[in-house]
Amino acid sequence: MSKPPENPLQSLCTNCGESFVCGAAAGLSSCWCMQVPPLARVPEASAGCLCPACLEQRLSPLPAAPAA
């Protein structure tokens, strides 16, 4: 299990466990993720936030299948 972040403004990524600042969870007026396109399928609200690297990975197109 991931340890809680040391900075109370930080969140833990539900995918990789990396700590990062989620503006919404920290009570800020906006968050860095509001500047990127939304995911096609929104995870459950209870699932938590993704860090910038994991969100970027989820937004990247899947690699093409190798030619047969």
PDB file of N, CA and C in Angstrom:
ATOM      1  N   MET A   1       0.842  -1.189   0.000  1.00  0.00           N
ATOM      2  CA  MET A   1       0.000   0.000   0.000  1.00  0.00           C
ATOM      3  C   MET A   1       0.879   1.241   0.000  1.00  0.00           C
ATOM      4  N   SER A   2       0.492   2.270  -0.715  1.00  0.00           N
ATOM      5  CA  SER A   2       1.263   3.505  -0.812  1.00  0.00           C
ATOM      6  C   SER A   2       1.173   4.289   0.484  1.00  0.00           C
ATOM      7  N   LYS A   3       2.288   4.926   0.832  1.00  0.00           N
ATOM      8  CA  LYS A   3       2.260   5.771   2.022  1.00  0.00           C
ATOM      9  C   LYS A   3       1.612   7.108   1.681  1.00  0.00           C
ATOM     10  N   PRO A   4       0.979   7.768   2.658  1.00  0.00           N
ATOM     11  CA  PRO A   4       0.341   9.058   2.369  1.00  0.00           C
ATOM     12  C   PRO A   4       1.384  10.101   1.992  1.00  0.00           C
ATOM     13  N   PRO A   5       1.015  11.069   1.156  1.00  0.00           N
ATOM     14  CA  PRO A   5       1.976  12.117   0.779  1.00  0.00           C
ATOM     15  C   PRO A   5       2.364  12.944   1.987  1.00  0.00           C
ATOM     16  N   GLU A   6       3.615  13.432   1.998  1.00  0.00           N
ATOM     17  CA  GLU A   6       4.090  14.231   3.123  1.00  0.00           C
ATOM     18  C   GLU A   6       3.517  15.640   3.100  1.00  0.00           C
ATOM     19  N   ASN A   7       3.283  16.189   1.931  1.00  0.00           N
ATOM     20  CA  ASN A   7       2.714  17.525   1.778  1.00  0.00           C
ATOM     21  C   ASN A   7       1.197  17.380   1.698  1.00  0.00           C
ATOM     22  N   PRO A   8       0.442  18.037   2.573  1.00  0.00           N
ATOM     23  CA  PRO A   8      -1.018  17.867   2.548  1.00  0.00           C
ATOM     24  C   PRO A   8      -1.686  18.335   1.258  1.00  0.00           C
ATOM     25  N   LEU A   9      -1.002  19.142   0.444  1.00  0.00           N
ATOM     26  CA  LEU A   9      -1.568  19.570  -0.834  1.00  0.00           C
ATOM     27  C   LEU A   9      -1.353  18.519  -1.920  1.00  0.00           C
ATOM     28  N   GLN A  10      -0.586  17.483  -1.629  1.00  0.00           N
ATOM     29  CA  GLN A  10      -0.294  16.469  -2.632  1.00  0.00           C
ATOM     30  C   GLN A  10      -1.277  15.312  -2.565  1.00  0.00           C
ATOM     31  N   SER A  11      -1.485  14.690  -3.706  1.00  0.00           N
ATOM     32  CA  SER A  11      -2.314  13.499  -3.839  1.00  0.00           C
ATOM     33  C   SER A  11      -1.416  12.363  -4.313  1.00  0.00           C
ATOM     34  N   LEU A  12      -1.914  11.148  -4.234  1.00  0.00           N
ATOM     35  CA  LEU A  12      -1.192   9.997  -4.767  1.00  0.00           C
ATOM     36  C   LEU A  12      -1.913   9.498  -6.003  1.00  0.00           C
ATOM     37  N   CYS A  13      -1.157   9.232  -7.055  1.00  0.00           N
ATOM     38  CA  CYS A  13      -1.713   8.705  -8.294  1.00  0.00           C
ATOM     39  C   CYS A  13      -2.297   7.326  -8.026  1.00  0.00           C
ATOM     40  N   THR A  14      -3.534   7.109  -8.449  1.00  0.00           N
ATOM     41  CA  THR A  14      -4.175   5.812  -8.233  1.00  0.00           C
ATOM     42  C   THR A  14      -3.625   4.748  -9.162  1.00  0.00           C
ATOM     43  N   ASN A  15      -2.832   5.151 -10.157  1.00  0.00           N
ATOM     44  CA  ASN A  15      -2.254   4.188 -11.089  1.00  0.00           C
ATOM     45  C   ASN A  15      -0.857   3.747 -10.652  1.00  0.00           C
ATOM     46  N   CYS A  16       0.034   4.711 -10.357  1.00  0.00           N
ATOM     47  CA  CYS A  16       1.431   4.377 -10.068  1.00  0.00           C
ATOM     48  C   CYS A  16       1.868   4.684  -8.638  1.00  0.00           C
ATOM     49  N   GLY A  17       1.074   5.452  -7.889  1.00  0.00           N
ATOM     50  CA  GLY A  17       1.420   5.775  -6.512  1.00  0.00           C
ATOM     51  C   GLY A  17       2.311   6.991  -6.346  1.00  0.00           C
ATOM     52  N   GLU A  18       2.670   7.649  -7.451  1.00  0.00           N
ATOM     53  CA  GLU A  18       3.507   8.853  -7.403  1.00  0.00           C
ATOM     54  C   GLU A  18       2.725   9.991  -6.760  1.00  0.00           C
ATOM     55  N   SER A  19       3.396  10.843  -5.976  1.00  0.00           N
ATOM     56  CA  SER A  19       2.717  11.993  -5.389  1.00  0.00           C
ATOM     57  C   SER A  19       2.769  13.170  -6.365  1.00  0.00           C
ATOM     58  N   PHE A  20       1.714  13.968  -6.358  1.00  0.00           N
ATOM     59  CA  PHE A  20       1.593  15.142  -7.231  1.00  0.00           C
ATOM     60  C   PHE A  20       0.535  16.043  -6.632  1.00  0.00           C
ATOM     61  N   VAL A  21       0.456  17.278  -7.114  1.00  0.00           N
ATOM     62  CA  VAL A  21      -0.557  18.211  -6.615  1.00  0.00           C
ATOM     63  C   VAL A  21      -1.771  18.165  -7.529  1.00  0.00           C
ATOM     64  N   CYS A  22      -2.911  17.785  -6.973  1.00  0.00           N
ATOM     65  CA  CYS A  22      -4.196  17.843  -7.662  1.00  0.00           C
ATOM     66  C   CYS A  22      -4.877  19.107  -7.154  1.00  0.00           C
ATOM     67  N   GLY A  23      -5.037  20.078  -8.034  1.00  0.00           N
ATOM     68  CA  GLY A  23      -5.626  21.346  -7.622  1.00  0.00           C
ATOM     69  C   GLY A  23      -7.011  21.205  -7.028  1.00  0.00           C
ATOM     70  N   ALA A  24      -7.829  20.322  -7.595  1.00  0.00           N
ATOM     71  CA  ALA A  24      -9.190  20.128  -7.087  1.00  0.00           C
ATOM     72  C   ALA A  24      -9.162  19.544  -5.680  1.00  0.00           C
ATOM     73  N   ALA A  25      -8.344  18.519  -5.460  1.00  0.00           N
ATOM     74  CA  ALA A  25      -8.261  17.882  -4.139  1.00  0.00           C
ATOM     75  C   ALA A  25      -7.639  18.812  -3.104  1.00  0.00           C
ATOM     76  N   ALA A  26      -6.738  19.700  -3.554  1.00  0.00           N
ATOM     77  CA  ALA A  26      -6.069  20.629  -2.654  1.00  0.00           C
ATOM     78  C   ALA A  26      -6.919  21.862  -2.361  1.00  0.00           C
ATOM     79  N   GLY A  27      -8.088  21.965  -3.007  1.00  0.00           N
ATOM     80  CA  GLY A  27      -8.968  23.107  -2.772  1.00  0.00           C
ATOM     81  C   GLY A  27      -8.591  24.347  -3.564  1.00  0.00           C
ATOM     82  N   LEU A  28      -7.755  24.171  -4.595  1.00  0.00           N
ATOM     83  CA  LEU A  28      -7.374  25.306  -5.439  1.00  0.00           C
ATOM     84  C   LEU A  28      -8.472  25.594  -6.450  1.00  0.00           C
ATOM     85  N   SER A  29      -8.409  26.748  -7.097  1.00  0.00           N
ATOM     86  CA  SER A  29      -9.458  27.134  -8.043  1.00  0.00           C
ATOM     87  C   SER A  29      -9.396  26.348  -9.349  1.00  0.00           C
ATOM     88  N   SER A  30      -8.245  25.762  -9.688  1.00  0.00           N
ATOM     89  CA  SER A  30      -8.134  24.954 -10.894  1.00  0.00           C
ATOM     90  C   SER A  30      -7.024  23.919 -10.705  1.00  0.00           C
ATOM     91  N   CYS A  31      -6.892  23.055 -11.690  1.00  0.00           N
ATOM     92  CA  CYS A  31      -5.888  21.997 -11.631  1.00  0.00           C
ATOM     93  C   CYS A  31      -5.204  21.892 -12.993  1.00  0.00           C
ATOM     94  N   TRP A  32      -3.977  21.412 -13.002  1.00  0.00           N
ATOM     95  CA  TRP A  32      -3.219  21.242 -14.240  1.00  0.00           C
ATOM     96  C   TRP A  32      -3.979  20.357 -15.228  1.00  0.00           C
ATOM     97  N   CYS A  33      -4.759  19.386 -14.731  1.00  0.00           N
ATOM     98  CA  CYS A  33      -5.444  18.447 -15.623  1.00  0.00           C
ATOM     99  C   CYS A  33      -6.581  19.109 -16.403  1.00  0.00           C
ATOM    100  N   MET A  34      -7.008  20.285 -15.976  1.00  0.00           N
ATOM    101  CA  MET A  34      -8.068  20.984 -16.693  1.00  0.00           C
ATOM    102  C   MET A  34      -7.566  21.562 -18.012  1.00  0.00           C
ATOM    103  N   GLN A  35      -6.252  21.494 -18.237  1.00  0.00           N
ATOM    104  CA  GLN A  35      -5.646  22.015 -19.461  1.00  0.00           C
ATOM    105  C   GLN A  35      -5.442  20.939 -20.518  1.00  0.00           C
ATOM    106  N   VAL A  36      -5.781  19.686 -20.204  1.00  0.00           N
ATOM    107  CA  VAL A  36      -5.615  18.582 -21.153  1.00  0.00           C
ATOM    108  C   VAL A  36      -6.982  18.048 -21.558  1.00  0.00           C
ATOM    109  N   PRO A  37      -7.069  17.372 -22.692  1.00  0.00           N
ATOM    110  CA  PRO A  37      -8.364  16.834 -23.117  1.00  0.00           C
ATOM    111  C   PRO A  37      -8.872  15.792 -22.122  1.00  0.00           C
ATOM    112  N   PRO A  38     -10.180  15.663 -21.976  1.00  0.00           N
ATOM    113  CA  PRO A  38     -10.723  14.658 -21.049  1.00  0.00           C
ATOM    114  C   PRO A  38     -10.528  13.245 -21.595  1.00  0.00           C
ATOM    115  N   LEU A  39     -10.519  12.286 -20.698  1.00  0.00           N
ATOM    116  CA  LEU A  39     -10.454  10.884 -21.099  1.00  0.00           C
ATOM    117  C   LEU A  39     -11.769  10.492 -21.753  1.00  0.00           C
ATOM    118  N   ALA A  40     -11.721   9.546 -22.678  1.00  0.00           N
ATOM    119  CA  ALA A  40     -12.942   9.082 -23.346  1.00  0.00           C
ATOM    120  C   ALA A  40     -13.881   8.426 -22.336  1.00  0.00           C
ATOM    121  N   ARG A  41     -13.318   7.655 -21.423  1.00  0.00           N
ATOM    122  CA  ARG A  41     -14.109   7.019 -20.380  1.00  0.00           C
ATOM    123  C   ARG A  41     -13.627   7.572 -19.055  1.00  0.00           C
ATOM    124  N   VAL A  42     -14.508   8.243 -18.349  1.00  0.00           N
ATOM    125  CA  VAL A  42     -14.147   8.853 -17.081  1.00  0.00           C
ATOM    126  C   VAL A  42     -14.189   7.789 -15.987  1.00  0.00           C
ATOM    127  N   PRO A  43     -13.094   7.670 -15.211  1.00  0.00           N
ATOM    128  CA  PRO A  43     -13.097   6.702 -14.124  1.00  0.00           C
ATOM    129  C   PRO A  43     -14.082   7.110 -13.035  1.00  0.00           C
ATOM    130  N   GLU A  44     -14.463   6.168 -12.202  1.00  0.00           N
ATOM    131  CA  GLU A  44     -15.341   6.469 -11.075  1.00  0.00           C
ATOM    132  C   GLU A  44     -14.711   7.565 -10.228  1.00  0.00           C
ATOM    133  N   ALA A  45     -15.533   8.430  -9.656  1.00  0.00           N
ATOM    134  CA  ALA A  45     -15.021   9.519  -8.832  1.00  0.00           C
ATOM    135  C   ALA A  45     -14.201   8.987  -7.660  1.00  0.00           C
ATOM    136  N   SER A  46     -14.567   7.835  -7.135  1.00  0.00           N
ATOM    137  CA  SER A  46     -13.847   7.266  -6.001  1.00  0.00           C
ATOM    138  C   SER A  46     -12.487   6.704  -6.406  1.00  0.00           C
ATOM    139  N   ALA A  47     -12.222   6.604  -7.720  1.00  0.00           N
ATOM    140  CA  ALA A  47     -10.956   6.053  -8.191  1.00  0.00           C
ATOM    141  C   ALA A  47      -9.793   7.004  -7.934  1.00  0.00           C
ATOM    142  N   GLY A  48     -10.039   8.286  -7.784  1.00  0.00           N
ATOM    143  CA  GLY A  48      -8.984   9.249  -7.532  1.00  0.00           C
ATOM    144  C   GLY A  48      -8.377   9.792  -8.814  1.00  0.00           C
ATOM    145  N   CYS A  49      -7.327  10.579  -8.653  1.00  0.00           N
ATOM    146  CA  CYS A  49      -6.684  11.260  -9.778  1.00  0.00           C
ATOM    147  C   CYS A  49      -5.471  10.500 -10.280  1.00  0.00           C
ATOM    148  N   LEU A  50      -5.103  10.807 -11.505  1.00  0.00           N
ATOM    149  CA  LEU A  50      -3.874  10.292 -12.101  1.00  0.00           C
ATOM    150  C   LEU A  50      -2.821  11.394 -12.084  1.00  0.00           C
ATOM    151  N   CYS A  51      -1.557  11.009 -11.946  1.00  0.00           N
ATOM    152  CA  CYS A  51      -0.471  11.982 -12.019  1.00  0.00           C
ATOM    153  C   CYS A  51      -0.311  12.437 -13.476  1.00  0.00           C
ATOM    154  N   PRO A  52       0.430  13.511 -13.716  1.00  0.00           N
ATOM    155  CA  PRO A  52       0.599  13.984 -15.093  1.00  0.00           C
ATOM    156  C   PRO A  52       1.124  12.904 -16.046  1.00  0.00           C
ATOM    157  N   ALA A  53       2.094  12.108 -15.620  1.00  0.00           N
ATOM    158  CA  ALA A  53       2.665  11.083 -16.512  1.00  0.00           C
ATOM    159  C   ALA A  53       1.638  10.009 -16.859  1.00  0.00           C
ATOM    160  N   CYS A  54       0.872   9.543 -15.874  1.00  0.00           N
ATOM    161  CA  CYS A  54      -0.112   8.489 -16.142  1.00  0.00           C
ATOM    162  C   CYS A  54      -1.272   9.015 -16.982  1.00  0.00           C
ATOM    163  N   LEU A  55      -1.687  10.261 -16.739  1.00  0.00           N
ATOM    164  CA  LEU A  55      -2.762  10.831 -17.544  1.00  0.00           C
ATOM    165  C   LEU A  55      -2.299  10.996 -18.988  1.00  0.00           C
ATOM    166  N   GLU A  56      -1.058  11.450 -19.182  1.00  0.00           N
ATOM    167  CA  GLU A  56      -0.519  11.599 -20.537  1.00  0.00           C
ATOM    168  C   GLU A  56      -0.487  10.239 -21.236  1.00  0.00           C
ATOM    169  N   GLN A  57      -0.096   9.211 -20.503  1.00  0.00           N
ATOM    170  CA  GLN A  57      -0.053   7.861 -21.078  1.00  0.00           C
ATOM    171  C   GLN A  57      -1.454   7.396 -21.479  1.00  0.00           C
ATOM    172  N   ARG A  58      -2.453   7.666 -20.648  1.00  0.00           N
ATOM    173  CA  ARG A  58      -3.825   7.270 -20.971  1.00  0.00           C
ATOM    174  C   ARG A  58      -4.375   8.033 -22.159  1.00  0.00           C
ATOM    175  N   LEU A  59      -3.918   9.274 -22.341  1.00  0.00           N
ATOM    176  CA  LEU A  59      -4.392  10.095 -23.454  1.00  0.00           C
ATOM    177  C   LEU A  59      -3.680   9.768 -24.761  1.00  0.00           C
ATOM    178  N   SER A  60      -2.512   9.117 -24.690  1.00  0.00           N
ATOM    179  CA  SER A  60      -1.756   8.775 -25.894  1.00  0.00           C
ATOM    180  C   SER A  60      -2.483   7.698 -26.657  1.00  0.00           C
ATOM    181  N   PRO A  61      -2.444   7.791 -27.983  1.00  0.00           N
ATOM    182  CA  PRO A  61      -3.081   6.730 -28.780  1.00  0.00           C
ATOM    183  C   PRO A  61      -2.362   5.412 -28.563  1.00  0.00           C
ATOM    184  N   LEU A  62      -3.098   4.332 -28.638  1.00  0.00           N
ATOM    185  CA  LEU A  62      -2.512   3.012 -28.491  1.00  0.00           C
ATOM    186  C   LEU A  62      -1.573   2.747 -29.664  1.00  0.00           C
ATOM    187  N   PRO A  63      -0.475   2.031 -29.441  1.00  0.00           N
ATOM    188  CA  PRO A  63       0.425   1.728 -30.556  1.00  0.00           C
ATOM    189  C   PRO A  63      -0.271   0.844 -31.576  1.00  0.00           C
ATOM    190  N   ALA A  64       0.075   1.027 -32.825  1.00  0.00           N
ATOM    191  CA  ALA A  64      -0.534   0.239 -33.892  1.00  0.00           C
ATOM    192  C   ALA A  64      -0.096  -1.221 -33.777  1.00  0.00           C
ATOM    193  N   ALA A  65      -0.992  -2.097 -34.133  1.00  0.00           N
ATOM    194  CA  ALA A  65      -0.670  -3.526 -34.120  1.00  0.00           C
ATOM    195  C   ALA A  65       0.345  -3.818 -35.212  1.00  0.00           C
ATOM    196  N   PRO A  66       1.304  -4.708 -34.933  1.00  0.00           N
ATOM    197  CA  PRO A  66       2.293  -5.021 -35.969  1.00  0.00           C
ATOM    198  C   PRO A  66       1.653  -5.692 -37.176  1.00  0.00           C
ATOM    199  N   ALA A  67       2.197  -5.421 -38.332  1.00  0.00           N
ATOM    200  CA  ALA A  67       1.656  -6.013 -39.578  1.00  0.00           C
ATOM    201  C   ALA A  67       1.919  -7.515 -39.565  1.00  0.00           C
ATOM    202  N   ALA A  68       0.958  -8.264 -40.063  1.00  0.00           N
ATOM    203  CA  ALA A  68       1.103  -9.733 -40.064  1.00  0.00           C
ATOM    204  C   ALA A  68       1.978 -10.208 -41.175  1.00  0.00           C
TER     205      ALA A  68
END
